[in-house]
Protein backbone atom coordinates (compact mmCIF):
# COMPACT_ATOMS: atom_id res chain seq x y z
CA MET A 1 196.92 83.57 79.93
CA GLU A 2 193.68 83.77 81.83
CA LEU A 3 191.82 80.47 81.79
CA ARG A 4 188.52 82.37 81.51
CA ARG A 5 189.62 83.98 78.25
CA VAL A 6 190.94 80.72 76.83
CA ARG A 7 187.64 78.99 77.55
CA ALA A 8 185.78 81.83 75.86
CA PHE A 9 187.98 81.50 72.78
CA LEU A 10 187.50 77.71 72.69
CA ALA A 11 183.73 78.20 72.76
CA VAL A 12 183.93 80.58 69.79
CA ALA A 13 186.11 78.14 67.87
CA ASP A 14 183.75 75.28 68.67
CA GLU A 15 180.57 77.16 67.74
CA GLY A 16 182.05 78.92 64.73
CA SER A 17 180.53 82.28 65.61
CA ILE A 18 180.54 84.93 68.30
CA THR A 19 176.74 84.94 68.40
CA ALA A 20 176.36 81.21 69.10
CA ALA A 21 179.23 81.18 71.60
CA SER A 22 177.83 84.16 73.51
CA LYS A 23 174.51 82.33 73.94
CA ARG A 24 176.30 79.21 75.12
CA LEU A 25 178.36 81.18 77.65
CA HIS A 26 175.46 83.44 78.67
CA LEU A 27 177.47 86.55 77.77
CA THR A 28 176.68 89.52 75.57
CA GLN A 29 178.42 89.51 72.20
CA SER A 30 180.35 92.64 73.09
CA ALA A 31 181.58 91.14 76.39
CA LEU A 32 182.71 87.98 74.61
CA SER A 33 184.43 89.98 71.87
CA ARG A 34 186.33 91.95 74.52
CA GLN A 35 187.56 88.72 76.11
CA ILE A 36 188.82 87.41 72.76
CA LYS A 37 190.46 90.75 71.93
CA GLY A 38 192.09 90.81 75.38
CA LEU A 39 193.50 87.32 74.80
CA GLU A 40 194.87 88.34 71.40
CA ASP A 41 196.47 91.45 72.92
CA GLU A 42 198.00 89.36 75.69
CA LEU A 43 199.50 86.88 73.21
CA GLY A 44 200.38 89.53 70.66
CA VAL A 45 198.89 87.59 67.73
CA PRO A 46 195.47 87.44 66.04
CA LEU A 47 193.55 84.26 66.76
CA LEU A 48 190.54 84.83 64.51
CA GLU A 49 190.06 86.08 60.98
CA ARG A 50 186.91 88.19 61.14
CA GLY A 51 184.81 88.46 57.98
CA ALA A 52 181.58 90.35 57.41
CA HIS A 53 179.43 87.34 58.24
CA SER A 54 181.87 84.68 59.43
CA ILE A 55 185.00 84.00 61.41
CA SER A 56 187.83 81.52 60.91
CA LEU A 57 190.87 80.47 62.87
CA THR A 58 194.33 81.78 62.14
CA ALA A 59 197.30 79.42 62.35
CA ALA A 60 197.91 80.66 65.89
CA GLY A 61 194.25 80.10 66.71
CA GLU A 62 194.42 76.50 65.53
CA ILE A 63 197.38 75.86 67.83
CA LEU A 64 195.52 77.38 70.77
CA VAL A 65 192.48 75.20 70.07
CA ARG A 66 194.67 72.11 70.09
CA ASP A 67 196.85 72.90 73.10
CA GLY A 68 194.49 75.21 74.97
CA GLY A 69 191.80 72.54 75.04
CA ARG A 70 194.14 70.15 76.82
CA TRP A 71 195.21 72.90 79.20
CA ALA A 72 191.60 73.74 80.07
CA GLU A 73 190.84 70.06 80.74
CA GLN A 74 193.90 69.73 82.97
CA ALA A 75 192.94 72.87 84.85
CA GLU A 76 189.49 71.44 85.52
CA MET A 77 191.00 68.18 86.76
CA ILE A 78 193.34 70.08 89.07
CA ALA A 79 190.45 72.14 90.42
CA GLU A 80 188.45 68.98 91.06
CA ARG A 81 191.34 67.40 92.94
CA VAL A 82 191.84 70.54 95.04
CA ARG A 83 188.15 70.54 95.97
CA ALA A 84 188.33 66.82 96.71
CA ALA A 85 191.32 67.35 98.99
CA ALA A 86 189.28 69.68 101.15
CA LEU A 87 186.55 67.07 101.49
CA GLY A 88 188.76 64.01 101.50
CA GLU A 89 190.21 62.39 98.38
CA ILE A 90 187.82 60.51 96.10
CA ILE A 91 188.55 57.37 94.08
CA LYS A 92 186.04 56.44 91.38
CA ILE A 93 186.13 52.73 90.55
CA ALA A 94 184.16 50.83 87.92
CA TYR A 95 184.15 47.04 88.01
CA ALA A 96 182.48 43.88 86.75
CA PRO A 97 180.94 42.07 89.76
CA SER A 98 181.25 38.70 88.01
CA LEU A 99 185.03 39.16 87.82
CA ALA A 100 186.16 41.58 90.49
CA GLY A 101 183.48 41.57 93.16
CA SER A 102 185.28 38.99 95.30
CA LEU A 103 188.55 40.93 95.03
CA LEU A 104 187.23 44.35 95.92
CA GLY A 105 185.69 43.56 99.29
CA PRO A 106 188.84 42.38 101.11
CA ALA A 107 191.03 44.90 99.28
CA LEU A 108 188.86 47.88 100.21
CA GLU A 109 188.57 46.68 103.80
CA ARG A 110 192.36 46.72 104.23
CA PHE A 111 192.75 49.91 102.19
CA SER A 112 190.26 51.84 104.35
CA GLN A 113 192.11 50.91 107.54
CA PHE A 114 195.05 53.07 106.45
CA HIS A 115 193.26 55.60 104.22
CA ALA A 116 190.12 56.36 106.16
CA ALA A 117 189.83 59.87 104.69
CA VAL A 118 189.64 58.56 101.13
CA ARG A 119 186.13 58.18 99.78
CA VAL A 120 185.49 55.37 97.30
CA GLN A 121 182.73 55.51 94.70
CA LEU A 122 181.87 52.16 93.07
CA SER A 123 180.05 51.68 89.77
CA ASP A 124 178.85 48.32 88.43
CA CYS A 125 179.35 48.64 84.65
CA SER A 126 179.68 46.65 81.47
CA THR A 127 183.13 46.33 79.94
CA ALA A 128 182.34 48.88 77.23
CA GLU A 129 181.01 51.39 79.77
CA MET A 130 184.08 51.01 81.96
CA LYS A 131 186.59 51.63 79.20
CA ALA A 132 184.68 54.57 77.76
CA GLY A 133 184.32 56.07 81.25
CA LEU A 134 188.03 55.70 82.02
CA ARG A 135 189.01 57.38 78.75
CA ALA A 136 186.54 60.20 79.45
CA GLY A 137 187.93 60.77 82.95
CA GLU A 138 184.76 59.57 84.71
CA PHE A 139 186.63 56.77 86.50
CA ASP A 140 190.07 56.63 88.12
CA LEU A 141 190.39 52.85 87.96
CA ILE A 142 188.51 50.02 86.29
CA LEU A 143 188.60 46.29 86.99
CA THR A 144 187.86 44.03 84.05
CA VAL A 145 189.47 41.88 81.36
CA PRO A 146 191.74 43.62 78.83
CA GLU A 147 190.79 43.00 75.22
CA GLU A 148 192.93 42.78 72.11
CA GLY A 149 193.40 46.19 70.54
CA ASP A 150 191.89 48.29 73.34
CA GLY A 151 195.22 49.53 74.73
CA ALA A 152 194.83 53.09 73.42
CA GLY A 153 194.42 55.39 76.40
CA ILE A 154 194.50 52.59 78.98
CA ARG A 155 197.41 51.12 80.92
CA TRP A 156 196.71 47.66 82.32
CA VAL A 157 198.12 46.21 85.54
CA PRO A 158 197.45 42.43 85.84
CA VAL A 159 195.82 41.51 89.15
CA GLU A 160 194.71 37.89 88.87
CA ARG A 161 194.37 34.97 86.48
CA ARG A 162 191.09 33.08 86.80
CA PRO A 163 190.21 29.68 85.32
CA TRP A 164 186.93 29.20 83.46
CA ARG A 165 184.04 27.18 84.83
CA VAL A 166 180.68 25.97 83.55
CA VAL A 167 177.82 26.88 85.87
CA VAL A 168 174.75 24.61 85.92
CA GLY A 169 171.57 24.52 87.97
CA ALA A 170 171.42 22.28 91.05
CA SER A 171 168.92 20.00 89.30
CA HIS A 172 171.09 19.57 86.20
CA PRO A 173 172.05 15.91 85.52
CA ARG A 174 175.75 16.76 85.85
CA ALA A 175 175.45 18.99 88.92
CA ALA A 176 177.11 16.38 91.14
CA ALA A 177 180.15 16.08 88.89
CA GLU A 178 183.30 18.07 89.56
CA ARG A 179 184.32 18.25 85.91
CA VAL A 180 182.70 18.10 82.49
CA GLY A 181 184.26 17.47 79.10
CA VAL A 182 183.48 19.51 76.03
CA ALA A 183 181.60 16.54 74.56
CA ASP A 184 179.30 16.58 77.60
CA LEU A 185 178.15 20.08 76.64
CA ALA A 186 176.91 19.09 73.18
CA GLY A 187 173.19 19.76 72.93
CA GLU A 188 173.14 22.05 75.99
CA ARG A 189 171.33 25.39 75.88
CA PHE A 190 173.81 28.18 76.55
CA LEU A 191 173.27 31.42 78.43
CA MET A 192 175.67 34.27 77.73
CA PHE A 193 176.41 37.82 78.82
CA ARG A 194 175.17 40.31 76.22
CA ARG A 195 177.27 40.37 73.08
CA ASP A 196 177.14 44.19 72.67
CA GLU A 197 178.30 44.84 76.25
CA TYR A 198 180.75 41.94 76.64
CA PRO A 199 182.24 41.38 73.15
CA ASP A 200 185.48 39.85 74.44
CA TYR A 201 183.53 37.30 76.52
CA TRP A 202 181.71 36.21 73.37
CA LYS A 203 184.95 36.10 71.41
CA ARG A 204 186.67 33.89 74.00
CA VAL A 205 183.77 31.49 74.53
CA SER A 206 183.07 31.22 70.79
CA ALA A 207 186.75 30.55 70.01
CA TYR A 208 186.97 27.82 72.67
CA CYS A 209 183.82 26.11 71.42
CA ARG A 210 184.93 26.36 67.79
CA ASP A 211 188.40 24.97 68.56
CA HIS A 212 186.84 21.95 70.27
CA GLY A 213 184.08 21.20 67.77
CA LEU A 214 181.23 22.54 69.90
CA SER A 215 178.38 24.53 68.32
CA PRO A 216 176.63 26.17 71.27
CA LYS A 217 172.93 26.92 71.01
CA VAL A 218 172.55 30.33 72.70
CA VAL A 219 169.04 30.76 74.13
CA GLY A 220 169.53 33.88 76.25
CA GLU A 221 171.72 36.96 76.72
CA PHE A 222 171.99 38.84 80.01
CA ASP A 223 173.32 42.23 81.10
CA GLY A 224 174.70 41.11 84.47
CA TYR A 225 175.59 38.22 86.71
CA SER A 226 172.43 38.32 88.85
CA SER A 227 170.08 37.86 85.89
CA LEU A 228 172.35 35.18 84.42
CA ALA A 229 172.45 33.32 87.75
CA THR A 230 168.67 33.42 88.03
CA ALA A 231 168.34 31.94 84.55
CA VAL A 232 170.82 29.15 85.36
CA GLU A 233 169.05 28.39 88.64
CA SER A 234 165.73 28.08 86.84
CA GLY A 235 167.16 25.48 84.46
CA MET A 236 167.08 27.64 81.33
CA GLY A 237 170.59 26.57 80.40
CA VAL A 238 174.27 26.51 81.33
CA ALA A 239 176.91 29.25 81.12
CA PHE A 240 180.65 29.86 80.95
CA VAL A 241 181.84 32.05 83.85
CA ALA A 242 185.04 32.83 85.70
CA ALA A 243 185.93 30.72 88.73
CA GLY A 244 185.00 32.56 91.91
CA SER A 245 182.21 34.40 90.12
CA PRO A 246 179.22 35.43 92.28
CA VAL A 247 177.11 33.48 89.78
CA GLY A 248 178.34 30.34 91.50
CA ASN A 249 177.80 31.47 95.08
CA GLY A 250 174.24 30.25 95.44
CA ALA A 251 173.19 26.82 96.71
CA ARG A 252 171.02 26.33 93.63
CA VAL A 253 173.89 26.34 91.12
CA CYS A 254 177.14 24.39 90.75
CA LEU A 255 180.48 25.38 89.20
CA LEU A 256 182.16 22.63 87.20
CA GLU A 257 185.70 22.44 85.84
CA ILE A 258 186.06 22.08 82.06
CA ASP A 259 188.19 19.56 80.20
CA PRO A 260 190.24 20.63 78.35
CA GLU A 261 190.85 23.73 80.43
CA PRO A 262 190.41 27.02 78.50
CA GLU A 263 193.07 29.73 78.66
CA PRO A 264 192.63 31.50 82.05
CA ILE A 265 191.04 34.94 82.23
CA CYS A 266 193.34 37.83 83.14
CA VAL A 267 191.60 40.28 85.47
CA ALA A 268 193.43 43.60 85.41
CA ALA A 269 193.26 47.12 86.80
CA GLY A 270 192.97 49.74 84.08
CA LEU A 271 194.40 53.24 84.56
CA ALA A 272 194.49 56.28 82.30
CA ASP A 273 197.59 55.96 80.13
CA GLY A 274 200.15 58.76 80.13
CA VAL A 275 199.14 60.00 83.59
CA GLU A 276 201.11 59.15 86.72
CA PRO A 277 198.58 57.39 88.98
CA ARG A 278 197.91 58.89 92.38
CA ARG A 279 199.60 57.21 95.30
CA VAL A 280 196.28 55.97 96.71
CA LEU A 281 195.52 54.19 93.42
CA GLN A 282 198.88 52.44 93.51
CA VAL A 283 198.21 51.33 97.09
CA LEU A 284 194.74 50.05 96.17
CA ILE A 285 196.12 48.01 93.26
CA GLU A 286 198.62 46.36 95.62
CA GLU A 287 195.75 45.50 97.96
CA LEU A 288 193.84 43.99 95.03
CA LYS A 289 196.85 41.80 94.25
CA ARG A 290 197.03 40.71 97.89
CA SER A 291 193.33 39.91 97.79
CA ALA A 292 193.86 37.79 94.66
CA GLU A 293 196.63 35.87 96.44
CA GLY A 294 194.34 35.23 99.41
CA ALA A 295 196.46 37.30 101.81
């Protein structure tokens, strides 16, 4: 089958008419009809039931919509990889700086020493954006925290387990302490990452507070670590973050251990499920693991 004809047929099936599909494909109706007829002749079966003012799919047509759509997508992916090979392979990575920023730097430095021809594209995204982008084929690899029930379409490879910390401003009364108890946080104003973009973060923090009798007063939500860090520095409140987070890198904030210690955060690499990952992705994941181990 010619891919061009299959794509033309899929457009007709999607639009529900030759007229609408011809406009979408910038073809004349007669040219589009010839392509569909040629595909039917090639397969030896009718794909469309043609009425006076409408068309519908035959049983064979429904099968081609289902399987031909996947074939067309795979063909496009292959074409993209072939073009990328001529320019140097491309890896598209999405990550959460607050979790994976410290891992990526050393890992990419070592990776590039042996794969200099590979180009890496980095995107700083929310958890929801990362997972949607991976499922849509926009990213090759994502670095974030797996959530309960989000396994569909994503295969997770654990990279690192991070303990939780409370980050406070340098002028906070407990800034000089190394550890705080849950009771010490009663009455504090809490700053959180946005609930709509980081639902699992909210779920984990809320569950910990609930289990230990703490009712946090949330006074601000933030879309990234830099804005959260600025708010903590200014004394607006305190926040739960992962140990090693860039939020705690400034001299104007302090990271404190929590007692009792919450369940550690699992940072993982997410790959498209059902697809054998490219060799360069496997190598990069191993470098991420080495980075997590401090190698």
